Protein backbone atom coordinates (compact mmCIF):
# COMPACT_ATOMS: atom_id res chain seq x y z
CA MET A 1 83.01 -99.80 9.52
CA VAL A 2 82.07 -100.21 13.18
CA VAL A 3 80.48 -97.50 15.30
CA LYS A 4 79.62 -99.09 18.59
CA PRO A 5 76.11 -98.54 19.98
CA GLY A 6 75.59 -97.41 23.53
CA LYS A 7 74.98 -99.70 26.45
CA ASP A 8 71.86 -98.14 27.89
CA GLY A 9 69.47 -100.78 26.60
CA GLN A 10 66.84 -100.95 23.89
CA GLU A 11 64.40 -98.68 25.73
CA ARG A 12 66.70 -95.65 25.91
CA PRO A 13 64.72 -92.85 24.19
CA VAL A 14 66.63 -90.60 21.81
CA ALA A 15 65.47 -87.74 19.59
CA VAL A 16 67.22 -87.86 16.23
CA LEU A 17 67.34 -84.74 14.09
CA CYS A 18 66.69 -85.93 10.56
CA SER A 19 66.28 -84.32 7.16
CA GLY A 20 66.01 -87.22 4.72
CA GLY A 21 69.67 -86.81 3.75
CA LEU A 22 72.03 -89.76 3.76
CA ASP A 23 73.88 -88.78 6.97
CA SER A 24 70.73 -88.51 9.06
CA ALA A 25 69.28 -91.67 7.47
CA VAL A 26 72.34 -93.65 8.56
CA LEU A 27 72.20 -91.99 11.98
CA LEU A 28 68.57 -93.09 12.38
CA ALA A 29 69.45 -96.68 11.47
CA HIS A 30 72.45 -96.63 13.79
CA GLN A 31 70.41 -95.36 16.74
CA THR A 32 67.67 -97.98 16.31
CA ARG A 33 70.17 -100.65 17.33
CA ASP A 34 70.05 -99.72 21.00
CA ALA A 35 67.37 -97.05 21.51
CA ARG A 36 63.76 -96.09 21.03
CA VAL A 37 64.15 -93.52 18.28
CA HIS A 38 62.00 -90.39 17.95
CA PRO A 39 62.75 -88.83 14.52
CA VAL A 40 62.33 -85.05 14.48
CA TYR A 41 62.19 -82.69 11.50
CA VAL A 42 62.43 -78.95 12.16
CA ARG A 43 60.93 -76.59 9.56
CA ALA A 44 62.73 -73.27 9.30
CA GLY A 45 61.18 -71.88 6.12
CA LEU A 46 64.05 -72.82 3.79
CA ALA A 47 63.53 -73.38 0.09
CA TRP A 48 64.09 -77.14 -0.09
CA GLU A 49 62.07 -78.23 2.96
CA ARG A 50 58.85 -79.29 1.22
CA ARG A 51 60.70 -81.84 -0.91
CA GLU A 52 62.83 -82.92 2.05
CA GLN A 53 59.74 -83.71 4.09
CA ARG A 54 58.21 -85.73 1.25
CA VAL A 55 61.41 -87.74 0.88
CA LEU A 56 61.70 -88.24 4.65
CA SER A 57 58.14 -89.58 4.89
CA ARG A 58 58.91 -92.18 2.20
CA LEU A 59 62.19 -93.08 3.87
CA LEU A 60 60.60 -93.71 7.26
CA ALA A 61 57.94 -95.91 5.63
CA ALA A 62 60.64 -98.23 4.26
CA ALA A 63 62.91 -100.84 5.81
CA PRO A 64 64.85 -100.70 8.07
CA PHE A 65 62.80 -97.90 9.68
CA VAL A 66 59.16 -98.91 9.36
CA GLY A 67 57.96 -100.40 12.63
CA ARG A 68 61.25 -99.59 14.35
CA VAL A 69 60.99 -95.83 14.97
CA GLU A 70 58.36 -93.63 16.56
CA PRO A 71 56.16 -91.44 14.32
CA LEU A 72 57.89 -88.40 12.86
CA THR A 73 57.54 -85.19 14.87
CA ARG A 74 57.55 -81.94 12.89
CA LEU A 75 58.45 -78.72 14.66
CA ASP A 76 58.63 -75.12 13.44
CA ALA A 77 61.56 -72.79 14.10
CA PRO A 78 61.22 -70.17 11.34
CA VAL A 79 64.21 -68.02 10.40
CA ARG A 80 62.68 -65.94 7.61
CA ASP A 81 62.40 -63.04 10.04
CA LEU A 82 66.21 -63.17 10.38
CA TYR A 83 67.37 -64.32 6.95
CA THR A 84 66.63 -61.70 4.29
CA PRO A 85 64.49 -62.61 1.24
CA ALA A 86 67.71 -62.45 -0.79
CA HIS A 87 69.39 -65.16 1.30
CA TRP A 88 70.31 -68.13 -0.91
CA ALA A 89 68.59 -70.62 1.42
CA VAL A 90 65.33 -68.66 1.20
CA ARG A 91 65.52 -67.96 -2.53
CA GLY A 92 66.56 -71.50 -3.40
CA THR A 93 69.82 -70.53 -5.11
CA PRO A 94 72.39 -72.69 -3.29
CA PRO A 95 76.16 -72.45 -3.66
CA ALA A 96 77.35 -73.95 -6.93
CA PHE A 97 78.86 -77.38 -7.54
CA ASP A 98 82.54 -76.50 -7.08
CA THR A 99 82.19 -74.05 -4.18
CA PRO A 100 83.72 -74.88 -0.77
CA ASP A 101 81.66 -76.55 1.94
CA SER A 102 81.96 -73.43 4.10
CA ASP A 103 79.72 -71.53 1.66
CA VAL A 104 76.63 -73.43 2.87
CA TYR A 105 76.89 -72.05 6.41
CA LEU A 106 73.55 -71.09 7.92
CA MET A 107 74.12 -68.84 10.92
CA GLY A 108 72.55 -70.16 14.09
CA ARG A 109 71.24 -73.35 12.44
CA ASN A 110 72.12 -75.77 15.23
CA VAL A 111 71.36 -73.20 17.91
CA THR A 112 67.73 -72.93 16.81
CA LEU A 113 67.33 -76.65 16.04
CA LEU A 114 68.65 -77.78 19.41
CA ALA A 115 66.70 -75.17 21.38
CA LYS A 116 63.44 -76.33 19.82
CA VAL A 117 64.18 -80.05 20.10
CA GLY A 118 65.43 -79.58 23.65
CA LEU A 119 62.00 -78.30 24.69
CA LEU A 120 60.37 -81.31 23.01
CA CYS A 121 62.72 -83.63 24.88
CA ALA A 122 61.92 -82.00 28.21
CA GLN A 123 58.20 -82.44 27.59
CA ARG A 124 58.54 -86.08 26.51
CA ARG A 125 61.24 -87.00 29.04
CA ILE A 126 63.77 -87.85 26.34
CA GLY A 127 67.29 -87.51 27.66
CA VAL A 128 69.36 -87.62 24.47
CA ILE A 129 69.43 -85.60 21.24
CA ALA A 130 71.44 -87.11 18.37
CA LEU A 131 72.53 -85.25 15.26
CA GLY A 132 74.93 -86.03 12.47
CA PRO A 133 77.81 -83.60 11.84
CA LEU A 134 80.86 -85.30 10.35
CA ALA A 135 84.62 -84.93 10.69
CA GLY A 136 85.88 -81.70 9.20
CA ASN A 137 82.62 -79.80 9.68
CA PRO A 138 83.85 -76.16 9.64
CA PHE A 139 80.96 -74.50 11.45
CA PRO A 140 81.11 -73.06 15.00
CA ASP A 141 77.81 -74.64 16.08
CA ALA A 142 78.96 -78.16 15.15
CA THR A 143 81.89 -78.53 17.55
CA PRO A 144 82.09 -80.76 20.65
CA ALA A 145 82.57 -77.63 22.77
CA PHE A 146 79.36 -76.11 21.42
CA PHE A 147 77.34 -79.30 21.91
CA ASP A 148 78.60 -79.66 25.49
CA ALA A 149 77.76 -76.03 26.27
CA MET A 150 74.32 -76.29 24.62
CA ALA A 151 73.54 -79.47 26.54
CA ARG A 152 74.45 -77.75 29.82
CA ALA A 153 72.31 -74.72 28.94
CA LEU A 154 69.29 -76.87 27.99
CA SER A 155 69.65 -79.01 31.10
CA LEU A 156 69.87 -75.94 33.31
CA GLY A 157 67.13 -73.95 31.61
CA LEU A 158 64.66 -76.84 31.30
CA ASP A 159 65.51 -78.51 34.63
CA ARG A 160 65.97 -81.82 32.79
CA LYS A 161 69.19 -83.69 32.11
CA ILE A 162 69.73 -83.57 28.33
CA ARG A 163 72.74 -84.89 26.45
CA ILE A 164 73.66 -83.99 22.88
CA VAL A 165 75.55 -86.67 20.97
CA SER A 166 77.14 -86.66 17.52
CA PRO A 167 78.20 -90.29 16.93
CA PHE A 168 79.64 -89.60 13.48
CA GLY A 169 81.85 -86.69 14.52
CA ARG A 170 85.04 -88.55 13.60
CA LEU A 171 83.74 -90.12 10.39
CA THR A 172 83.97 -88.91 6.82
CA LYS A 173 80.95 -89.03 4.53
CA ALA A 174 82.49 -92.04 2.80
CA ASP A 175 82.72 -93.77 6.21
CA VAL A 176 79.05 -93.02 6.82
CA ILE A 177 78.09 -94.50 3.46
CA ARG A 178 79.99 -97.71 4.24
CA LEU A 179 78.21 -97.90 7.59
CA GLY A 180 74.89 -97.29 5.85
CA VAL A 181 75.55 -100.24 3.55
CA GLU A 182 76.08 -102.44 6.62
CA LEU A 183 72.83 -101.15 8.13
CA ARG A 184 70.94 -101.62 4.84
CA VAL A 185 69.95 -97.97 4.55
CA PRO A 186 67.99 -97.36 1.30
CA PHE A 187 70.16 -94.60 -0.15
CA ALA A 188 67.87 -94.37 -3.17
CA LEU A 189 65.25 -92.85 -0.85
CA THR A 190 67.53 -90.15 0.55
CA LEU A 191 67.94 -86.56 -0.65
CA SER A 192 71.20 -84.64 -0.16
CA CYS A 193 70.49 -81.56 -2.25
CA MET A 194 69.73 -77.87 -1.70
CA GLY A 195 68.03 -77.33 -5.06
CA PRO A 196 66.14 -80.52 -5.93
CA SER A 197 64.44 -80.82 -9.31
CA GLY A 198 61.23 -82.62 -8.45
CA ASP A 199 62.43 -85.61 -6.46
CA ARG A 200 65.79 -85.70 -8.25
CA HIS A 201 69.05 -84.23 -7.05
CA CYS A 202 69.88 -81.12 -9.02
CA GLY A 203 73.46 -82.17 -9.75
CA ARG A 204 74.46 -78.48 -9.60
CA CYS A 205 74.88 -77.63 -5.90
CA SER A 206 77.82 -78.28 -3.60
CA LYS A 207 75.83 -80.81 -1.55
CA CYS A 208 75.35 -82.92 -4.68
CA ARG A 209 79.09 -82.73 -5.37
CA GLU A 210 79.87 -83.72 -1.78
CA ARG A 211 77.52 -86.71 -2.02
CA LEU A 212 78.87 -87.88 -5.38
CA GLN A 213 82.49 -87.66 -4.28
CA ALA A 214 81.74 -89.51 -1.02
CA PHE A 215 80.04 -92.41 -2.81
CA ASP A 216 82.99 -92.56 -5.19
CA ALA A 217 85.46 -92.60 -2.28
CA ALA A 218 83.44 -95.32 -0.53
CA GLY A 219 83.44 -97.49 -3.64
CA VAL A 220 79.64 -97.60 -3.64
CA VAL A 221 77.35 -96.71 -6.55
CA ASP A 222 75.08 -93.76 -5.75
CA PRO A 223 71.52 -94.84 -6.67
CA ALA A 224 70.19 -91.27 -6.73
CA GLU A 225 68.94 -89.63 -9.90
CA TYR A 226 70.56 -86.34 -10.94
CA ALA A 227 69.02 -83.72 -13.19
CA ASN A 228 72.43 -82.49 -14.41
CA ASP A 229 74.45 -85.46 -15.64
CA ARG A 230 77.19 -83.31 -17.15
CA LEU A 231 78.54 -82.20 -13.78
CA VAL A 232 77.96 -85.69 -12.39
CA ARG A 233 80.13 -87.25 -15.11
CA ARG A 234 82.80 -84.63 -14.57
CA SER A 235 82.80 -85.22 -10.80
CA LEU A 236 83.20 -88.97 -11.25
CA GLY A 237 85.84 -88.58 -13.94
CA GLU A 238 83.99 -91.07 -16.14
CA GLY A 239 82.32 -91.10 -19.51
CA GLY A 240 79.03 -91.74 -17.76
CA ARG A 241 77.43 -93.05 -14.60
CA GLN A 242 77.27 -96.70 -13.68
CA GLU A 243 73.86 -98.28 -13.29
CA ALA A 244 72.51 -97.33 -9.90
CA GLY A 245 72.10 -100.12 -7.42
CA GLY A 246 69.88 -100.40 -4.40
CA GLY A 247 70.64 -98.80 -1.04
């Protein structure tokens, strides 16, 4: 899998939206090849964020990130005044294992993330924001048209030229995993789950299913631990999981 880096030189600063999930971990590693990377985590008040931040801190302290990225910046863009207390992302009751990807839609998610990170970029004179939507993403705020329009609005409103890039927009999750193997991303330190059980994946939500199926399609063993092995075994179509390898 080859995703060519840019040609702007090693000192090109880029803000990378990251969550500790496997897509953003691979995006971080990919961007370090030709840029000075500023990882950014935006807290919105969602149920899984405390565990995400703990996982992300461990990830950034490990190779290939330690010493190669700037310190993590944490920003706040709360949505609890807009999402009701009964919203699944606030309550921590994510869509179940076999539900469609469209069920995890969070209205305005990329609008609020990019507005907040855009202000950070204007203050720090960072000209590029990178984020990691993949091919087939069904959401209206993850399209090239939206990113182009948002970049124009941020550039106009902040009087700074800001580009928004999504380098993995034509890749599947399996493609991203293969790229992550090439970049030596420690997948065991990533978390792709909306209802984690301690530091383990729940094995019950649709994000866990998506991750499991992508590792299977990539032909790579998922090193993550899952609290619910029954659904994991069913997803893999095996009598049990293989021994997990390193990232």
